[in-house]
Protein backbone atom coordinates (compact mmCIF):
# COMPACT_ATOMS: atom_id res chain seq x y z
CA UNK A 1 10.45 7.74 -16.12
CA UNK A 2 6.96 8.44 -14.72
CA UNK A 3 5.08 5.21 -14.13
CA UNK A 4 1.34 4.68 -13.95
CA UNK A 5 0.11 3.57 -10.52
CA UNK A 6 -3.16 1.76 -9.82
CA UNK A 7 -4.27 3.19 -6.47
CA UNK A 8 -6.40 1.40 -3.87
CA UNK A 9 -7.10 2.42 -0.28
CA UNK A 10 -6.55 5.79 1.30
CA UNK A 11 -4.78 5.37 4.63
CA UNK A 12 -1.98 3.56 6.38
CA UNK A 13 1.63 3.12 5.34
CA UNK A 14 1.80 2.72 1.57
CA UNK A 15 2.32 -0.66 -0.06
CA UNK A 16 3.97 -0.72 -3.49
CA UNK A 17 3.20 -3.77 -5.66
CA UNK A 18 5.56 -4.73 -8.49
CA UNK A 19 4.18 -7.08 -11.14
CA UNK A 20 5.53 -10.07 -13.11
CA UNK A 21 6.94 -10.07 -16.63
CA UNK A 22 4.58 -9.15 -19.48
CA UNK A 23 1.68 -8.25 -17.17
CA UNK A 24 0.79 -4.97 -15.42
CA UNK A 25 -0.20 -3.54 -12.07
CA UNK A 26 -3.77 -4.61 -12.83
CA UNK A 27 -2.76 -8.21 -12.17
CA UNK A 28 -2.66 -7.27 -8.47
CA UNK A 29 -6.32 -6.16 -8.32
CA UNK A 30 -7.61 -8.88 -5.94
CA UNK A 31 -4.58 -8.54 -3.66
CA UNK A 32 -4.84 -4.75 -3.75
CA UNK A 33 -8.50 -4.86 -2.73
CA UNK A 34 -7.60 -7.02 0.25
CA UNK A 35 -4.69 -4.85 1.39
CA UNK A 36 -6.54 -1.64 0.58
CA UNK A 37 -8.69 -2.05 3.66
CA UNK A 38 -5.75 -1.09 5.86
CA UNK A 39 -3.15 0.43 3.51
CA UNK A 40 -2.70 2.85 0.65
CA UNK A 41 -1.79 0.51 -2.23
CA UNK A 42 0.15 1.56 -5.33
CA UNK A 43 0.35 -1.17 -7.98
CA UNK A 44 2.83 0.09 -10.56
CA UNK A 45 2.94 -0.57 -14.30
CA UNK A 46 6.58 -1.15 -15.29
CA UNK A 47 7.87 0.86 -18.25
CA UNK A 48 6.18 -0.29 -21.47
CA UNK A 49 3.64 -2.38 -19.55
CA UNK A 50 0.03 -1.44 -18.86
CA UNK A 51 -0.38 2.31 -19.00
CA UNK A 52 3.23 3.31 -18.35
CA UNK A 53 5.21 4.99 -21.13
CA UNK A 54 8.38 3.64 -22.70
CA UNK A 55 10.86 5.16 -25.13
CA UNK A 56 11.46 1.85 -26.94
CA UNK A 57 15.02 1.51 -25.66
CA UNK A 58 16.37 -1.44 -23.70
CA UNK A 59 16.29 -1.11 -19.93
CA UNK A 60 17.58 -3.02 -16.91
CA UNK A 61 16.13 -4.32 -13.67
CA UNK A 62 18.12 -1.55 -12.01
CA UNK A 63 16.24 0.96 -14.19
CA UNK A 64 12.92 -0.55 -13.09
CA UNK A 65 13.98 -0.30 -9.44
CA UNK A 66 14.92 3.35 -9.98
CA UNK A 67 11.50 3.93 -11.59
CA UNK A 68 9.80 2.49 -8.51
CA UNK A 69 11.95 4.65 -6.24
CA UNK A 70 10.87 7.71 -8.22
CA UNK A 71 7.22 6.82 -7.69
CA UNK A 72 7.68 6.35 -3.94
CA UNK A 73 9.47 9.68 -3.70
CA UNK A 74 6.94 11.38 -5.99
CA UNK A 75 4.03 10.29 -3.82
CA UNK A 76 6.03 11.31 -0.73
CA UNK A 77 5.25 7.74 0.29
CA UNK A 78 8.50 6.46 1.72
CA UNK A 79 9.46 4.35 3.37
CA UNK A 80 6.90 2.02 1.83
CA UNK A 81 6.25 -1.67 2.16
CA UNK A 82 7.14 -3.37 -1.13
CA UNK A 83 5.79 -6.63 -2.56
CA UNK A 84 7.29 -8.02 -5.75
CA UNK A 85 6.17 -11.06 -7.73
CA UNK A 86 8.45 -12.74 -10.30
CA UNK A 87 10.09 -9.91 -12.29
CA UNK A 88 8.64 -7.60 -9.66
CA UNK A 89 10.41 -9.63 -6.98
CA UNK A 90 13.77 -9.12 -8.67
CA UNK A 91 12.98 -5.42 -9.04
CA UNK A 92 11.94 -5.16 -5.39
CA UNK A 93 15.18 -6.84 -4.32
CA UNK A 94 17.30 -4.30 -6.20
CA UNK A 95 15.16 -1.43 -4.89
CA UNK A 96 15.51 -2.58 -1.27
CA UNK A 97 19.26 -3.06 -1.61
CA UNK A 98 20.02 0.22 -3.36
CA UNK A 99 17.43 2.46 -1.66
CA UNK A 100 16.98 1.07 1.86
CA UNK A 101 15.62 4.44 2.93
CA UNK A 102 12.52 3.81 0.80
CA UNK A 103 11.66 0.22 1.82
CA UNK A 104 10.21 -0.65 5.23
CA UNK A 105 9.05 -4.28 4.89
CA UNK A 106 9.67 -6.50 1.87
CA UNK A 107 7.93 -9.51 0.31
CA UNK A 108 9.74 -11.35 -2.50
CA UNK A 109 7.52 -13.91 -4.22
CA UNK A 110 8.80 -16.26 -6.93
CA UNK A 111 11.73 -14.01 -7.75
CA UNK A 112 15.49 -14.38 -7.96
CA UNK A 113 18.72 -12.44 -7.77
CA UNK A 114 20.12 -14.25 -10.82
CA UNK A 115 18.84 -16.75 -13.39
CA UNK A 116 22.11 -18.66 -13.63
CA UNK A 117 25.16 -18.89 -15.89
CA UNK A 118 23.20 -19.40 -19.13
CA UNK A 119 20.70 -16.63 -18.37
CA UNK A 120 21.62 -14.27 -21.21
CA UNK A 121 21.15 -16.90 -23.91
CA UNK A 122 17.95 -18.31 -22.36
CA UNK A 123 16.35 -14.90 -21.98
CA UNK A 124 17.48 -13.75 -25.43
CA UNK A 125 15.60 -16.74 -26.85
CA UNK A 126 12.52 -15.83 -24.80
CA UNK A 127 12.78 -12.24 -26.01
CA UNK A 128 12.79 -13.49 -29.60
CA UNK A 129 9.70 -15.64 -28.97
CA UNK A 130 7.95 -12.67 -27.37
CA UNK A 131 8.01 -10.79 -30.66
CA UNK A 132 7.96 -13.62 -33.21
CA UNK A 133 5.11 -15.76 -31.81
CA UNK A 134 1.57 -14.31 -31.81
CA UNK A 135 0.62 -13.48 -28.24
CA UNK A 136 -2.41 -15.73 -28.17
CA UNK A 137 -0.18 -18.68 -29.14
CA UNK A 138 2.08 -17.97 -26.15
CA UNK A 139 -0.74 -18.49 -23.65
CA UNK A 140 -0.52 -22.28 -23.28
CA UNK A 141 3.11 -21.96 -22.19
CA UNK A 142 2.27 -19.11 -19.83
CA UNK A 143 -0.78 -20.68 -18.17
CA UNK A 144 1.18 -23.81 -17.30
CA UNK A 145 4.00 -21.80 -15.74
CA UNK A 146 1.74 -19.36 -13.91
CA UNK A 147 -0.77 -21.67 -12.23
CA UNK A 148 -0.99 -25.23 -10.93
CA UNK A 149 -3.44 -27.52 -12.69
CA UNK A 150 -5.90 -27.59 -9.79
CA UNK A 151 -6.07 -23.79 -9.68
CA UNK A 152 -6.62 -23.59 -13.43
CA UNK A 153 -9.54 -26.01 -13.13
CA UNK A 154 -11.13 -24.33 -10.11
CA UNK A 155 -10.58 -20.66 -11.02
CA UNK A 156 -10.76 -20.35 -14.82
CA UNK A 157 -12.07 -16.78 -14.57
CA UNK A 158 -8.94 -15.63 -12.71
CA UNK A 159 -6.68 -17.44 -15.16
CA UNK A 160 -8.42 -15.73 -18.08
CA UNK A 161 -8.22 -12.34 -16.36
CA UNK A 162 -4.45 -12.70 -16.18
CA UNK A 163 -4.33 -13.97 -19.78
CA UNK A 164 -6.17 -10.85 -20.95
CA UNK A 165 -3.55 -8.64 -19.28
CA UNK A 166 -0.81 -10.64 -20.98
CA UNK A 167 -2.47 -10.29 -24.39
CA UNK A 168 -2.67 -6.52 -23.95
CA UNK A 169 1.05 -6.21 -23.17
CA UNK A 170 3.26 -4.75 -25.89
CA UNK A 171 5.43 -7.52 -27.36
CA UNK A 172 8.45 -5.27 -27.75
CA UNK A 173 8.29 -4.21 -24.09
CA UNK A 174 7.91 -7.89 -23.15
CA UNK A 175 11.08 -8.66 -25.11
CA UNK A 176 12.99 -5.77 -23.55
CA UNK A 177 12.01 -6.98 -20.08
CA UNK A 178 13.23 -10.48 -21.00
CA UNK A 179 16.63 -9.05 -21.90
CA UNK A 180 16.67 -7.12 -18.62
CA UNK A 181 16.12 -10.33 -16.66
CA UNK A 182 18.84 -12.05 -18.66
CA UNK A 183 21.30 -9.33 -17.68
CA UNK A 184 20.41 -9.44 -13.96
CA UNK A 185 22.92 -10.60 -11.38
CA UNK A 186 22.07 -9.02 -8.03
CA UNK A 187 23.60 -11.72 -5.82
CA UNK A 188 26.15 -9.25 -4.49
CA UNK A 189 23.31 -7.01 -3.28
CA UNK A 190 21.61 -9.54 -1.01
CA UNK A 191 23.65 -8.50 2.02
CA UNK A 192 22.63 -4.87 1.50
CA UNK A 193 18.91 -5.50 2.15
CA UNK A 194 17.91 -4.07 5.53
CA UNK A 195 14.13 -4.49 5.30
CA UNK A 196 12.30 -7.23 7.19
CA UNK A 197 11.91 -9.77 4.37
CA UNK A 198 9.49 -12.59 3.65
CA UNK A 199 10.46 -14.87 0.75
CA UNK A 200 7.70 -16.95 -0.86
CA UNK A 201 7.95 -19.56 -3.60
CA UNK A 202 5.67 -22.17 -5.09
CA UNK A 203 6.86 -25.72 -4.59
CA UNK A 204 5.96 -26.42 -8.24
CA UNK A 205 7.43 -23.17 -9.59
CA UNK A 206 9.75 -24.16 -12.40
CA UNK A 207 10.23 -20.57 -13.65
CA UNK A 208 12.02 -19.51 -10.46
CA UNK A 209 12.35 -22.79 -8.55
CA UNK A 210 12.58 -23.07 -4.75
CA UNK A 211 16.38 -23.24 -4.83
CA UNK A 212 16.45 -19.64 -6.08
CA UNK A 213 14.22 -18.58 -3.18
CA UNK A 214 16.47 -20.43 -0.73
CA UNK A 215 19.44 -18.45 -2.06
CA UNK A 216 17.53 -15.20 -1.50
CA UNK A 217 16.60 -16.15 2.04
CA UNK A 218 20.12 -17.31 2.85
CA UNK A 219 21.64 -14.07 1.57
CA UNK A 220 19.24 -11.60 3.21
CA UNK A 221 19.83 -11.23 6.93
CA UNK A 222 16.87 -12.46 8.98
CA UNK A 223 14.72 -13.34 5.96
CA UNK A 224 11.87 -15.81 6.42
CA UNK A 225 11.25 -18.44 3.73
CA UNK A 226 8.01 -20.25 2.93
CA UNK A 227 7.80 -22.94 0.25
CA UNK A 228 4.16 -23.33 -0.80
CA UNK A 229 2.74 -26.73 -1.63
CA UNK A 230 0.80 -27.29 -4.88
CA UNK A 231 1.65 -23.77 -6.08
CA UNK A 232 3.43 -22.52 -9.19
CA UNK A 233 4.84 -19.21 -10.34
CA UNK A 234 2.14 -16.63 -9.53
CA UNK A 235 1.92 -17.73 -5.92
CA UNK A 236 0.28 -14.60 -4.52
CA UNK A 237 -2.55 -14.88 -7.05
CA UNK A 238 -3.00 -18.63 -6.53
CA UNK A 239 -2.93 -18.47 -2.74
CA UNK A 240 -5.47 -16.00 -1.37
CA UNK A 241 -5.03 -17.76 1.96
CA UNK A 242 -1.57 -16.13 2.16
CA UNK A 243 -2.86 -12.58 2.02
CA UNK A 244 -3.57 -12.29 5.77
CA UNK A 245 -0.04 -13.58 6.49
CA UNK A 246 1.39 -11.00 4.11
CA UNK A 247 -0.63 -8.28 5.84
CA UNK A 248 0.70 -9.47 9.20
CA UNK A 249 4.25 -9.28 7.88
CA UNK A 250 3.65 -5.73 6.71
CA UNK A 251 2.19 -4.72 10.08
CA UNK A 252 0.43 -1.40 10.52
């Protein structure tokens, strides 16, 4: 599977950005511009999202991790620093555990290794809503999960930019990605991660709550954990003040 990569910057160790469910690599644009001053940034579109192709068949988080590995190898870019947000965080975790040769430093934001014992049923229901509810009518639910109320009031243009990406996402690919997240249980892989890892989570994130981040940090040797006040699910978009800290974690 050949993915589309949004490229920013021209030098330095590459940084691969993996996006949340039902969005695309374009969601990373402000973060990519910041990191692009010192790094070559590759923001990938997952299969069926953005400009990446998809054969219409179901896929797994492991498939998405293998897709990312193929991009890193194809650009002769490894080992790369990898930042994953939400679905991208789960993908980045599996990538780092299964292909440690390709991941140098790792940032996992608002992700999880497993959504719990009822995950298959919960995500099957979300997959059904993804295709049965008009996309514009899904936005109220998404906005509330993505961003804290204060951010929505102060940065409506950024909220609407993300909403536009969501509206452009194929509903069937959205549903397939929901099923992939429902099938995920990567808890046994946590001990296989060798990359220096920073785990971030919004204090108000009820999509992947702080307890899930604590489990990641506890299972990954040496991982650092930061719980972010007044922040919800898309923490790295809400909190531009974190970008310098992320850059410091990545190093040079």
